[in-house]
Protein backbone atom coordinates (compact mmCIF):
# COMPACT_ATOMS: atom_id res chain seq x y z
CA MET A 1 -4.31 -9.82 -15.06
CA ALA A 2 -5.88 -7.43 -11.44
CA CYS A 3 -4.02 -6.51 -8.90
CA ILE A 4 -5.54 -8.19 -5.60
CA ALA A 5 -3.94 -6.64 -2.34
CA LEU A 6 -4.76 -9.77 0.34
CA GLY A 7 -4.90 -7.99 3.84
CA SER A 8 -3.25 -9.44 7.48
CA ALA A 9 -6.62 -6.87 8.62
CA ARG A 10 -9.19 -8.87 6.83
CA THR A 11 -7.72 -11.86 7.52
CA SER A 12 -7.16 -11.69 11.23
CA VAL A 13 -11.27 -10.58 11.51
CA ALA A 14 -12.72 -13.55 9.46
CA GLN A 15 -10.18 -16.28 11.27
CA LYS A 16 -12.39 -14.31 14.33
CA ASN A 17 -15.40 -15.92 13.28
CA SER A 18 -15.08 -18.21 10.26
CA SER A 19 -18.63 -18.73 10.60
CA ALA A 20 -19.68 -15.13 8.69
CA THR A 21 -20.67 -15.72 5.38
CA ALA A 22 -19.22 -14.45 2.45
CA HIS A 23 -19.57 -10.86 1.18
CA PRO A 24 -18.52 -9.27 -2.35
CA SER A 25 -14.56 -7.80 -1.26
CA SER A 26 -13.43 -4.79 -3.54
CA ASP A 27 -12.29 -5.52 -6.99
CA ARG A 28 -9.14 -4.23 -5.68
CA SER A 29 -8.53 -6.87 -2.65
CA ALA A 30 -9.95 -10.28 -1.38
CA SER A 31 -11.72 -11.48 1.67
CA ARG A 32 -10.85 -14.85 3.35
CA VAL A 33 -13.85 -17.14 5.24
CA GLY A 34 -12.57 -20.14 7.47
CA ARG A 35 -10.75 -21.67 5.04
CA VAL A 36 -12.03 -19.80 1.90
CA LEU A 37 -10.43 -17.17 -0.21
CA TYR A 38 -13.46 -14.44 -1.77
CA HIS A 39 -12.85 -12.25 -4.09
CA ARG A 40 -16.03 -9.77 -5.92
CA GLY A 41 -17.91 -12.61 -4.44
CA LYS A 42 -16.64 -15.70 -5.65
CA PRO A 43 -14.40 -18.18 -3.60
CA PHE A 44 -10.39 -17.79 -4.97
CA ARG A 45 -7.47 -20.01 -5.36
CA VAL A 46 -4.46 -18.09 -6.30
CA ALA A 47 -2.17 -19.82 -9.46
CA GLY A 48 0.55 -17.68 -8.83
CA SER A 49 4.47 -17.05 -9.49
CA ASN A 50 7.57 -14.92 -7.49
CA ASN A 51 9.31 -12.27 -8.96
CA TYR A 52 11.51 -10.27 -7.69
CA TYR A 53 12.56 -7.37 -9.84
CA LEU A 54 9.03 -6.51 -10.62
CA MET A 55 9.11 -3.48 -8.73
CA TYR A 56 12.49 -1.64 -9.95
CA SER A 57 12.12 -3.29 -13.98
CA SER A 58 10.73 -0.38 -16.63
CA GLN A 59 6.90 -0.87 -17.13
CA PHE A 60 7.67 -2.90 -20.62
CA MET A 61 9.08 -5.84 -18.84
CA VAL A 62 6.40 -5.16 -16.19
CA ASP A 63 3.92 -5.42 -18.23
CA ASN A 64 5.87 -8.66 -20.58
CA VAL A 65 5.57 -10.26 -17.37
CA LEU A 66 2.21 -10.12 -16.26
CA THR A 67 1.26 -10.32 -20.06
CA THR A 68 2.70 -13.92 -20.32
CA ALA A 69 1.88 -14.75 -16.41
CA ALA A 70 -1.81 -14.07 -17.72
CA ALA A 71 -1.63 -15.88 -20.65
CA GLN A 72 -0.57 -19.13 -18.20
CA ASN A 73 -3.40 -18.47 -16.89
CA LEU A 74 -2.02 -17.18 -13.17
CA ASN A 75 -3.65 -14.86 -10.96
CA THR A 76 -1.27 -13.55 -8.47
CA MET A 77 2.50 -13.07 -8.30
CA ARG A 78 4.82 -12.04 -5.58
CA THR A 79 7.28 -9.55 -5.55
CA TRP A 80 9.28 -8.42 -2.76
CA GLY A 81 7.61 -5.35 -1.18
CA PHE A 82 11.15 -4.05 0.21
CA ILE A 83 14.40 -2.33 -0.91
CA ASP A 84 16.26 -1.04 2.10
CA VAL A 85 19.27 1.50 1.29
CA GLY A 86 22.21 3.34 3.75
CA ASN A 87 21.99 6.69 4.01
CA GLN A 88 19.28 8.54 1.62
CA ASP A 89 22.41 10.11 -0.71
CA GLY A 90 23.40 6.63 -1.84
CA PRO A 91 26.69 5.84 0.47
CA ASN A 92 27.06 3.39 3.83
CA SER A 93 24.47 0.29 1.53
CA VAL A 94 24.74 -2.73 1.40
CA ASP A 95 23.36 -3.43 -1.42
CA GLY A 96 21.80 0.09 -3.16
CA PRO A 97 18.85 1.07 -5.15
CA HIS A 98 18.33 -1.23 -7.98
CA ASN A 99 17.45 0.87 -11.21
CA GLY A 100 17.30 4.09 -8.57
CA VAL A 101 14.21 2.84 -6.76
CA TYR A 102 14.42 1.74 -2.78
CA PHE A 103 12.12 1.52 -0.55
CA HIS A 104 13.35 2.42 2.94
CA TYR A 105 16.53 4.56 4.19
CA TRP A 106 17.82 5.08 7.42
CA ASP A 107 17.63 9.43 8.02
CA GLY A 108 20.07 9.50 10.21
CA SER A 109 18.14 8.64 13.71
CA ALA A 110 15.41 6.49 13.11
CA PRO A 111 13.99 4.50 9.44
CA ALA A 112 12.28 6.49 6.74
CA PHE A 113 10.91 5.56 4.05
CA ASN A 114 10.90 6.67 1.16
CA ASP A 115 7.76 8.05 -0.42
CA VAL A 116 8.41 9.39 -4.37
CA ASP A 117 8.09 7.85 -8.06
CA THR A 118 11.22 5.98 -7.02
CA GLY A 119 10.13 4.53 -3.87
CA GLN A 120 6.85 3.20 -2.67
CA SER A 121 3.70 4.73 -4.97
CA ILE A 122 5.89 1.48 -7.57
CA LEU A 123 4.35 -1.52 -5.45
CA ILE A 124 1.02 0.63 -5.50
CA MET A 125 -0.99 -0.87 -8.59
């Protein structure tokens, strides 16, 4: 199963020009022309599932879930892209980090991003 990003920027461009011809998309992204998604230059139909714990699970668990999905001919896995905490050191959180993973926190005056190994770098596959 490949990780394919479905970006809103590509979608909005394709929406404006629905008569455009399909062009090959990169291995990691899909493009849309009218109502059709394309991946690697071919029409792409989504067959997938939801999973809400991949971003804070062990690599063994992630591999197992994705291998099982691929064996069932699924080509898409939707997962959460947020885990917000209060302060970076943990207090003032409703739910707190999951297995040490969180993506956003409050730095005392504004929202901030956790962009180290326990944060947003996990979302990039």
